[in-house]
Amino acid sequence: MSDLFLRRTISSDKGTFGVLTRNGKTLCVTCEDPWRDNARGESCIPAGRYRCVGFNGAKYKDVWEVTGVPNRTAILIHAGNTMNDTRGCILVGKRLGEVDGLPAVLDSRSALDALRLTLPREFWLTVIDRSPE
Protein backbone atom coordinates (compact mmCIF):
# COMPACT_ATOMS: atom_id res chain seq x y z
CA MET A 1 0.00 0.00 0.00
CA SER A 2 1.22 3.52 -0.82
CA ASP A 3 2.37 5.95 1.86
CA LEU A 4 1.31 9.59 1.74
CA PHE A 5 2.33 12.36 4.12
CA LEU A 6 0.35 15.38 5.20
CA ARG A 7 2.76 17.91 6.68
CA ARG A 8 0.91 20.71 8.42
CA THR A 9 2.59 24.08 7.87
CA ILE A 10 0.13 26.70 9.18
CA SER A 11 -2.29 26.45 12.07
CA SER A 12 -4.55 29.20 13.44
CA ASP A 13 -8.14 29.77 14.48
CA LYS A 14 -8.87 30.26 10.75
CA GLY A 15 -7.75 26.78 9.74
CA THR A 16 -4.96 24.26 9.54
CA PHE A 17 -3.08 24.11 6.24
CA GLY A 18 -0.55 21.65 4.93
CA VAL A 19 1.04 19.88 2.00
CA LEU A 20 0.16 16.35 0.85
CA THR A 21 3.12 14.44 -0.60
CA ARG A 22 3.96 11.00 -1.96
CA ASN A 23 7.52 9.83 -2.57
CA GLY A 24 8.74 13.35 -1.75
CA LYS A 25 6.56 14.91 -4.48
CA THR A 26 3.91 17.50 -3.65
CA LEU A 27 0.44 16.36 -4.71
CA CYS A 28 -1.62 19.27 -3.37
CA VAL A 29 -2.20 21.62 -0.46
CA THR A 30 -4.74 20.89 2.28
CA CYS A 31 -7.15 22.71 4.58
CA GLU A 32 -8.55 21.36 7.84
CA ASP A 33 -10.35 22.73 10.85
CA PRO A 34 -8.19 24.16 13.67
CA TRP A 35 -7.23 21.80 16.48
CA ARG A 36 -10.16 21.60 18.90
CA ASP A 37 -9.26 18.56 21.00
CA ASN A 38 -10.31 16.11 18.24
CA ALA A 39 -13.98 17.17 18.57
CA ARG A 40 -16.15 15.43 15.98
CA GLY A 41 -17.04 17.75 13.11
CA GLU A 42 -15.05 20.67 14.56
CA SER A 43 -11.39 19.66 14.76
CA CYS A 44 -8.57 18.50 12.57
CA ILE A 45 -7.48 14.95 13.34
CA PRO A 46 -4.54 14.18 15.63
CA ALA A 47 -1.13 13.64 14.10
CA GLY A 48 -0.61 9.94 13.40
CA ARG A 49 -0.79 7.20 10.77
CA TYR A 50 -4.16 6.29 9.28
CA ARG A 51 -5.48 3.94 6.63
CA CYS A 52 -7.45 5.67 3.88
CA VAL A 53 -10.00 3.76 1.83
CA GLY A 54 -12.15 4.63 -1.16
CA PHE A 55 -15.56 6.08 -0.27
CA ASN A 56 -18.79 6.76 -2.15
CA GLY A 57 -21.70 8.36 -0.33
CA ALA A 58 -24.82 10.33 -1.13
CA LYS A 59 -22.97 13.68 -1.16
CA TYR A 60 -19.32 12.77 -1.74
CA LYS A 61 -18.45 10.40 -4.56
CA ASP A 62 -15.10 8.83 -5.42
CA VAL A 63 -13.23 10.29 -2.42
CA TRP A 64 -11.31 8.72 0.47
CA GLU A 65 -12.25 8.07 4.08
CA VAL A 66 -9.59 8.39 6.77
CA THR A 67 -10.09 5.45 9.13
CA GLY A 68 -8.75 4.56 12.56
CA VAL A 69 -8.92 8.08 14.00
CA PRO A 70 -9.54 7.79 17.76
CA ASN A 71 -13.18 8.52 18.67
CA ARG A 72 -13.96 9.75 15.14
CA THR A 73 -15.60 8.47 11.96
CA ALA A 74 -16.74 9.90 8.62
CA ILE A 75 -13.54 11.87 7.98
CA LEU A 76 -13.18 12.34 4.24
CA ILE A 77 -10.62 13.76 1.84
CA HIS A 78 -12.72 15.88 -0.54
CA ALA A 79 -13.09 19.21 -2.37
CA GLY A 80 -13.74 22.50 -0.58
CA ASN A 81 -12.04 25.81 0.08
CA THR A 82 -12.12 27.06 3.69
CA MET A 83 -12.68 25.68 7.16
CA ASN A 84 -16.36 26.54 6.59
CA ASP A 85 -16.44 23.69 4.03
CA THR A 86 -15.06 21.01 6.32
CA ARG A 87 -16.60 19.34 9.31
CA GLY A 88 -13.45 17.60 10.49
CA CYS A 89 -12.50 16.48 6.97
CA ILE A 90 -9.40 17.21 4.85
CA LEU A 91 -9.92 19.54 1.89
CA VAL A 92 -7.53 19.55 -1.07
CA GLY A 93 -6.49 22.32 -3.47
CA LYS A 94 -3.83 23.29 -5.96
CA ARG A 95 -2.72 26.45 -4.16
CA LEU A 96 -3.31 28.61 -1.11
CA GLY A 97 -5.31 31.82 -1.29
CA GLU A 98 -8.30 33.55 0.24
CA VAL A 99 -12.09 33.19 -0.08
CA ASP A 100 -14.47 35.65 1.56
CA GLY A 101 -11.70 36.93 3.84
CA LEU A 102 -10.65 33.47 5.04
CA PRO A 103 -7.45 31.59 4.19
CA ALA A 104 -8.32 28.89 1.68
CA VAL A 105 -7.18 26.20 -0.71
CA LEU A 106 -8.03 27.08 -4.31
CA ASP A 107 -8.74 25.04 -7.45
CA SER A 108 -10.05 22.31 -5.18
CA ARG A 109 -12.09 20.35 -7.70
CA SER A 110 -9.19 20.12 -10.13
CA ALA A 111 -6.87 19.04 -7.30
CA LEU A 112 -9.33 16.30 -6.31
CA ASP A 113 -9.66 15.19 -9.95
CA ALA A 114 -5.85 14.91 -10.20
CA LEU A 115 -5.75 12.82 -7.01
CA ARG A 116 -8.45 10.53 -8.39
CA LEU A 117 -6.22 9.85 -11.40
CA THR A 118 -3.04 9.16 -9.42
CA LEU A 119 -3.92 7.75 -6.01
CA PRO A 120 -4.90 4.17 -5.27
CA ARG A 121 -8.21 3.41 -3.56
CA GLU A 122 -6.32 2.50 -0.38
CA PHE A 123 -3.22 4.08 1.11
CA TRP A 124 -1.57 5.00 4.40
CA LEU A 125 -1.66 8.65 5.44
CA THR A 126 0.84 9.96 7.99
CA VAL A 127 -0.19 13.32 9.44
CA ILE A 128 2.70 15.38 10.81
CA ASP A 129 2.10 18.50 12.87
CA ARG A 130 4.12 21.59 12.18
CA SER A 131 7.24 21.91 14.29
CA PRO A 132 7.01 24.45 17.09
CA GLU A 133 9.13 27.55 16.52
Foldseek 3Di string as FASTA:
>chain_A
DFEKEWEWDDADQFWIKTFIDGPPHTLFIKTEHHDDPCDFQHHAADFFKWKWAFDDDPVDHGWIWTPDGPPYGDATEAADWTNVPTRRHMFTAHAWDDDPRGIIHPRRVVSRVSCSVPPDRIYMYGYHYDDDD
